[in-house]
Amino acid sequence: MEMTQWLVTLTFRVTVSGVRSKDDSVAEGLEQLKQSLNRGEDVPMEASVRKITNIVEEEPIFGVKW
């Protein structure tokens, strides 16, 4: 029996200031996200889900990479 696989894409939105570069803004955004989640705060988020039908032809799943 084949198990159904789903690709879930979560987009979190945070605003950062006082940083000078794209890399610094990403690092600060991730830190703010972690702190908010640890405090149990609501974080603005969008989610999209799609069923993976042919894993060989699907787009690769990436981690944080800039």
PDB file of N, CA and C in Angstrom:
ATOM      1  N   MET A   1       0.841  -1.185   0.000  1.00  0.00           N
ATOM      2  CA  MET A   1       0.000   0.000   0.000  1.00  0.00           C
ATOM      3  C   MET A   1       0.882   1.243   0.000  1.00  0.00           C
ATOM      4  N   GLU A   2       0.661   2.107  -0.970  1.00  0.00           N
ATOM      5  CA  GLU A   2       1.461   3.326  -1.085  1.00  0.00           C
ATOM      6  C   GLU A   2       0.908   4.424  -0.182  1.00  0.00           C
ATOM      7  N   MET A   3       1.804   5.115   0.511  1.00  0.00           N
ATOM      8  CA  MET A   3       1.392   6.185   1.406  1.00  0.00           C
ATOM      9  C   MET A   3       1.305   7.500   0.628  1.00  0.00           C
ATOM     10  N   THR A   4       0.242   8.249   0.846  1.00  0.00           N
ATOM     11  CA  THR A   4       0.085   9.548   0.200  1.00  0.00           C
ATOM     12  C   THR A   4       1.070  10.534   0.816  1.00  0.00           C
ATOM     13  N   GLN A   5       1.720  11.316  -0.039  1.00  0.00           N
ATOM     14  CA  GLN A   5       2.631  12.351   0.442  1.00  0.00           C
ATOM     15  C   GLN A   5       2.093  13.718   0.039  1.00  0.00           C
ATOM     16  N   TRP A   6       2.293  14.690   0.915  1.00  0.00           N
ATOM     17  CA  TRP A   6       1.817  16.049   0.699  1.00  0.00           C
ATOM     18  C   TRP A   6       2.987  17.018   0.843  1.00  0.00           C
ATOM     19  N   LEU A   7       2.998  18.030   0.008  1.00  0.00           N
ATOM     20  CA  LEU A   7       3.972  19.105   0.131  1.00  0.00           C
ATOM     21  C   LEU A   7       3.255  20.280   0.786  1.00  0.00           C
ATOM     22  N   VAL A   8       3.689  20.639   1.987  1.00  0.00           N
ATOM     23  CA  VAL A   8       3.084  21.740   2.730  1.00  0.00           C
ATOM     24  C   VAL A   8       4.079  22.894   2.735  1.00  0.00           C
ATOM     25  N   THR A   9       3.664  24.039   2.210  1.00  0.00           N
ATOM     26  CA  THR A   9       4.509  25.224   2.192  1.00  0.00           C
ATOM     27  C   THR A   9       3.919  26.235   3.158  1.00  0.00           C
ATOM     28  N   LEU A  10       4.702  26.607   4.176  1.00  0.00           N
ATOM     29  CA  LEU A  10       4.264  27.585   5.166  1.00  0.00           C
ATOM     30  C   LEU A  10       5.049  28.875   4.951  1.00  0.00           C
ATOM     31  N   THR A  11       4.330  29.987   4.870  1.00  0.00           N
ATOM     32  CA  THR A  11       4.956  31.289   4.710  1.00  0.00           C
ATOM     33  C   THR A  11       4.644  32.118   5.947  1.00  0.00           C
ATOM     34  N   PHE A  12       5.677  32.454   6.706  1.00  0.00           N
ATOM     35  CA  PHE A  12       5.528  33.281   7.901  1.00  0.00           C
ATOM     36  C   PHE A  12       5.935  34.707   7.557  1.00  0.00           C
ATOM     37  N   ARG A  13       5.241  35.669   8.141  1.00  0.00           N
ATOM     38  CA  ARG A  13       5.548  37.068   7.867  1.00  0.00           C
ATOM     39  C   ARG A  13       5.968  37.769   9.151  1.00  0.00           C
ATOM     40  N   VAL A  14       7.190  38.304   9.137  1.00  0.00           N
ATOM     41  CA  VAL A  14       7.685  39.103  10.246  1.00  0.00           C
ATOM     42  C   VAL A  14       8.340  40.350   9.659  1.00  0.00           C
ATOM     43  N   THR A  15       8.349  41.421  10.426  1.00  0.00           N
ATOM     44  CA  THR A  15       8.990  42.659   9.995  1.00  0.00           C
ATOM     45  C   THR A  15      10.230  42.881  10.849  1.00  0.00           C
ATOM     46  N   VAL A  16      11.345  43.162  10.192  1.00  0.00           N
ATOM     47  CA  VAL A  16      12.586  43.410  10.914  1.00  0.00           C
ATOM     48  C   VAL A  16      13.096  44.798  10.558  1.00  0.00           C
ATOM     49  N   SER A  17      13.839  45.388  11.481  1.00  0.00           N
ATOM     50  CA  SER A  17      14.463  46.684  11.208  1.00  0.00           C
ATOM     51  C   SER A  17      15.840  46.698  11.858  1.00  0.00           C
ATOM     52  N   GLY A  18      16.655  47.665  11.448  1.00  0.00           N
ATOM     53  CA  GLY A  18      17.978  47.803  12.029  1.00  0.00           C
ATOM     54  C   GLY A  18      18.990  46.815  11.504  1.00  0.00           C
ATOM     55  N   VAL A  19      18.715  46.189  10.379  1.00  0.00           N
ATOM     56  CA  VAL A  19      19.681  45.268   9.774  1.00  0.00           C
ATOM     57  C   VAL A  19      20.151  45.846   8.447  1.00  0.00           C
ATOM     58  N   ARG A  20      21.316  45.413   8.013  1.00  0.00           N
ATOM     59  CA  ARG A  20      21.919  46.022   6.832  1.00  0.00           C
ATOM     60  C   ARG A  20      21.917  45.148   5.582  1.00  0.00           C
ATOM     61  N   SER A  21      21.690  43.854   5.764  1.00  0.00           N
ATOM     62  CA  SER A  21      21.798  42.976   4.591  1.00  0.00           C
ATOM     63  C   SER A  21      20.640  41.987   4.547  1.00  0.00           C
ATOM     64  N   LYS A  22      20.499  41.367   3.401  1.00  0.00           N
ATOM     65  CA  LYS A  22      19.471  40.343   3.233  1.00  0.00           C
ATOM     66  C   LYS A  22      19.715  39.184   4.200  1.00  0.00           C
ATOM     67  N   ASP A  23      20.963  38.742   4.310  1.00  0.00           N
ATOM     68  CA  ASP A  23      21.284  37.637   5.218  1.00  0.00           C
ATOM     69  C   ASP A  23      20.939  37.994   6.659  1.00  0.00           C
ATOM     70  N   ASP A  24      21.279  39.216   7.073  1.00  0.00           N
ATOM     71  CA  ASP A  24      20.968  39.651   8.440  1.00  0.00           C
ATOM     72  C   ASP A  24      19.457  39.735   8.661  1.00  0.00           C
ATOM     73  N   SER A  25      18.730  40.171   7.644  1.00  0.00           N
ATOM     74  CA  SER A  25      17.269  40.274   7.796  1.00  0.00           C
ATOM     75  C   SER A  25      16.641  38.888   7.927  1.00  0.00           C
ATOM     76  N   VAL A  26      17.172  37.910   7.193  1.00  0.00           N
ATOM     77  CA  VAL A  26      16.669  36.534   7.297  1.00  0.00           C
ATOM     78  C   VAL A  26      16.956  35.980   8.687  1.00  0.00           C
ATOM     79  N   ALA A  27      18.190  36.180   9.165  1.00  0.00           N
ATOM     80  CA  ALA A  27      18.566  35.686  10.493  1.00  0.00           C
ATOM     81  C   ALA A  27      17.693  36.333  11.568  1.00  0.00           C
ATOM     82  N   GLU A  28      17.480  37.627  11.485  1.00  0.00           N
ATOM     83  CA  GLU A  28      16.661  38.329  12.472  1.00  0.00           C
ATOM     84  C   GLU A  28      15.200  37.881  12.377  1.00  0.00           C
ATOM     85  N   GLY A  29      14.695  37.698  11.166  1.00  0.00           N
ATOM     86  CA  GLY A  29      13.323  37.221  10.990  1.00  0.00           C
ATOM     87  C   GLY A  29      13.117  35.844  11.590  1.00  0.00           C
ATOM     88  N   LEU A  30      14.081  34.947  11.372  1.00  0.00           N
ATOM     89  CA  LEU A  30      13.992  33.603  11.959  1.00  0.00           C
ATOM     90  C   LEU A  30      14.033  33.664  13.482  1.00  0.00           C
ATOM     91  N   GLU A  31      14.882  34.537  14.017  1.00  0.00           N
ATOM     92  CA  GLU A  31      14.974  34.676  15.477  1.00  0.00           C
ATOM     93  C   GLU A  31      13.650  35.194  16.044  1.00  0.00           C
ATOM     94  N   GLN A  32      13.066  36.194  15.389  1.00  0.00           N
ATOM     95  CA  GLN A  32      11.772  36.718  15.846  1.00  0.00           C
ATOM     96  C   GLN A  32      10.692  35.645  15.773  1.00  0.00           C
ATOM     97  N   LEU A  33      10.700  34.861  14.703  1.00  0.00           N
ATOM     98  CA  LEU A  33       9.726  33.785  14.553  1.00  0.00           C
ATOM     99  C   LEU A  33       9.878  32.776  15.686  1.00  0.00           C
ATOM    100  N   LYS A  34      11.115  32.343  15.970  1.00  0.00           N
ATOM    101  CA  LYS A  34      11.351  31.384  17.053  1.00  0.00           C
ATOM    102  C   LYS A  34      10.870  31.924  18.391  1.00  0.00           C
ATOM    103  N   GLN A  35      11.188  33.193  18.674  1.00  0.00           N
ATOM    104  CA  GLN A  35      10.780  33.785  19.950  1.00  0.00           C
ATOM    105  C   GLN A  35       9.254  33.850  20.061  1.00  0.00           C
ATOM    106  N   SER A  36       8.597  34.250  18.988  1.00  0.00           N
ATOM    107  CA  SER A  36       7.138  34.333  19.008  1.00  0.00           C
ATOM    108  C   SER A  36       6.505  32.964  19.225  1.00  0.00           C
ATOM    109  N   LEU A  37       7.031  31.940  18.547  1.00  0.00           N
ATOM    110  CA  LEU A  37       6.501  30.588  18.710  1.00  0.00           C
ATOM    111  C   LEU A  37       6.736  30.077  20.126  1.00  0.00           C
ATOM    112  N   ASN A  38       7.922  30.343  20.680  1.00  0.00           N
ATOM    113  CA  ASN A  38       8.232  29.908  22.044  1.00  0.00           C
ATOM    114  C   ASN A  38       7.321  30.572  23.075  1.00  0.00           C
ATOM    115  N   ARG A  39       6.902  31.811  22.806  1.00  0.00           N
ATOM    116  CA  ARG A  39       6.004  32.519  23.728  1.00  0.00           C
ATOM    117  C   ARG A  39       4.540  32.153  23.503  1.00  0.00           C
ATOM    118  N   GLY A  40       4.279  31.345  22.481  1.00  0.00           N
ATOM    119  CA  GLY A  40       2.909  30.931  22.192  1.00  0.00           C
ATOM    120  C   GLY A  40       2.087  32.004  21.509  1.00  0.00           C
ATOM    121  N   GLU A  41       2.738  32.972  20.905  1.00  0.00           N
ATOM    122  CA  GLU A  41       2.036  34.063  20.217  1.00  0.00           C
ATOM    123  C   GLU A  41       1.557  33.609  18.836  1.00  0.00           C
ATOM    124  N   ASP A  42       0.504  34.237  18.369  1.00  0.00           N
ATOM    125  CA  ASP A  42       0.051  33.993  17.006  1.00  0.00           C
ATOM    126  C   ASP A  42       1.019  34.656  16.037  1.00  0.00           C
ATOM    127  N   VAL A  43       1.366  33.951  14.994  1.00  0.00           N
ATOM    128  CA  VAL A  43       2.266  34.478  13.974  1.00  0.00           C
ATOM    129  C   VAL A  43       1.520  34.477  12.650  1.00  0.00           C
ATOM    130  N   PRO A  44       1.498  35.630  11.947  1.00  0.00           N
ATOM    131  CA  PRO A  44       0.834  35.651  10.634  1.00  0.00           C
ATOM    132  C   PRO A  44       1.462  34.603   9.716  1.00  0.00           C
ATOM    133  N   MET A  45       0.610  33.799   9.081  1.00  0.00           N
ATOM    134  CA  MET A  45       1.110  32.699   8.267  1.00  0.00           C
ATOM    135  C   MET A  45       0.133  32.393   7.143  1.00  0.00           C
ATOM    136  N   GLU A  46       0.678  31.951   6.039  1.00  0.00           N
ATOM    137  CA  GLU A  46      -0.119  31.410   4.936  1.00  0.00           C
ATOM    138  C   GLU A  46       0.349  29.981   4.711  1.00  0.00           C
ATOM    139  N   ALA A  47      -0.567  29.121   4.339  1.00  0.00           N
ATOM    140  CA  ALA A  47      -0.202  27.733   4.070  1.00  0.00           C
ATOM    141  C   ALA A  47      -0.784  27.304   2.730  1.00  0.00           C
ATOM    142  N   SER A  48      -0.009  26.558   1.981  1.00  0.00           N
ATOM    143  CA  SER A  48      -0.519  25.927   0.772  1.00  0.00           C
ATOM    144  C   SER A  48      -0.129  24.458   0.824  1.00  0.00           C
ATOM    145  N   VAL A  49      -1.009  23.630   0.329  1.00  0.00           N
ATOM    146  CA  VAL A  49      -0.801  22.184   0.380  1.00  0.00           C
ATOM    147  C   VAL A  49      -1.132  21.595  -0.981  1.00  0.00           C
ATOM    148  N   ARG A  50      -0.277  20.683  -1.405  1.00  0.00           N
ATOM    149  CA  ARG A  50      -0.627  19.944  -2.620  1.00  0.00           C
ATOM    150  C   ARG A  50      -0.145  18.514  -2.487  1.00  0.00           C
ATOM    151  N   LYS A  51      -0.883  17.651  -3.103  1.00  0.00           N
ATOM    152  CA  LYS A  51      -0.567  16.233  -3.081  1.00  0.00           C
ATOM    153  C   LYS A  51       0.591  15.973  -4.034  1.00  0.00           C
ATOM    154  N   ILE A  52       1.561  15.191  -3.583  1.00  0.00           N
ATOM    155  CA  ILE A  52       2.679  14.811  -4.439  1.00  0.00           C
ATOM    156  C   ILE A  52       2.260  13.550  -5.181  1.00  0.00           C
ATOM    157  N   THR A  53       2.160  13.674  -6.502  1.00  0.00           N
ATOM    158  CA  THR A  53       1.677  12.549  -7.298  1.00  0.00           C
ATOM    159  C   THR A  53       2.799  11.732  -7.915  1.00  0.00           C
ATOM    160  N   ASN A  54       3.873  12.406  -8.321  1.00  0.00           N
ATOM    161  CA  ASN A  54       5.003  11.703  -8.921  1.00  0.00           C
ATOM    162  C   ASN A  54       6.269  12.306  -8.334  1.00  0.00           C
ATOM    163  N   ILE A  55       6.804  11.666  -7.308  1.00  0.00           N
ATOM    164  CA  ILE A  55       7.917  12.251  -6.549  1.00  0.00           C
ATOM    165  C   ILE A  55       9.145  12.484  -7.408  1.00  0.00           C
ATOM    166  N   VAL A  56       9.325  11.740  -8.482  1.00  0.00           N
ATOM    167  CA  VAL A  56      10.491  11.913  -9.352  1.00  0.00           C
ATOM    168  C   VAL A  56      10.417  13.243 -10.087  1.00  0.00           C
ATOM    169  N   GLU A  57       9.215  13.673 -10.454  1.00  0.00           N
ATOM    170  CA  GLU A  57       9.049  14.897 -11.236  1.00  0.00           C
ATOM    171  C   GLU A  57       8.714  16.116 -10.392  1.00  0.00           C
ATOM    172  N   GLU A  58       8.533  15.934  -9.091  1.00  0.00           N
ATOM    173  CA  GLU A  58       8.168  17.057  -8.241  1.00  0.00           C
ATOM    174  C   GLU A  58       9.354  17.985  -8.019  1.00  0.00           C
ATOM    175  N   GLU A  59       9.038  19.230  -7.682  1.00  0.00           N
ATOM    176  CA  GLU A  59      10.094  20.173  -7.354  1.00  0.00           C
ATOM    177  C   GLU A  59      10.788  19.744  -6.071  1.00  0.00           C
ATOM    178  N   PRO A  60      12.080  20.015  -5.947  1.00  0.00           N
ATOM    179  CA  PRO A  60      12.782  19.631  -4.710  1.00  0.00           C
ATOM    180  C   PRO A  60      12.290  20.439  -3.527  1.00  0.00           C
ATOM    181  N   ILE A  61      12.426  19.883  -2.346  1.00  0.00           N
ATOM    182  CA  ILE A  61      12.034  20.562  -1.123  1.00  0.00           C
ATOM    183  C   ILE A  61      13.295  21.145  -0.509  1.00  0.00           C
ATOM    184  N   PHE A  62      13.304  22.460  -0.321  1.00  0.00           N
ATOM    185  CA  PHE A  62      14.483  23.141   0.179  1.00  0.00           C
ATOM    186  C   PHE A  62      14.289  23.584   1.610  1.00  0.00           C
ATOM    187  N   GLY A  63      15.372  23.640   2.356  1.00  0.00           N
ATOM    188  CA  GLY A  63      15.370  24.259   3.677  1.00  0.00           C
ATOM    189  C   GLY A  63      15.656  25.740   3.504  1.00  0.00           C
ATOM    190  N   VAL A  64      16.066  26.383   4.553  1.00  0.00           N
ATOM    191  CA  VAL A  64      16.400  27.793   4.472  1.00  0.00           C
ATOM    192  C   VAL A  64      17.696  27.930   3.704  1.00  0.00           C
ATOM    193  N   LYS A  65      17.657  28.645   2.591  1.00  0.00           N
ATOM    194  CA  LYS A  65      18.837  28.824   1.764  1.00  0.00           C
ATOM    195  C   LYS A  65      18.720  30.169   1.073  1.00  0.00           C
ATOM    196  N   TRP A  66      19.740  30.995   1.250  1.00  0.00           N
ATOM    197  CA  TRP A  66      19.720  32.325   0.627  1.00  0.00           C
ATOM    198  C   TRP A  66      20.998  32.542  -0.141  1.00  0.00           C
TER     199      TRP A  66
END
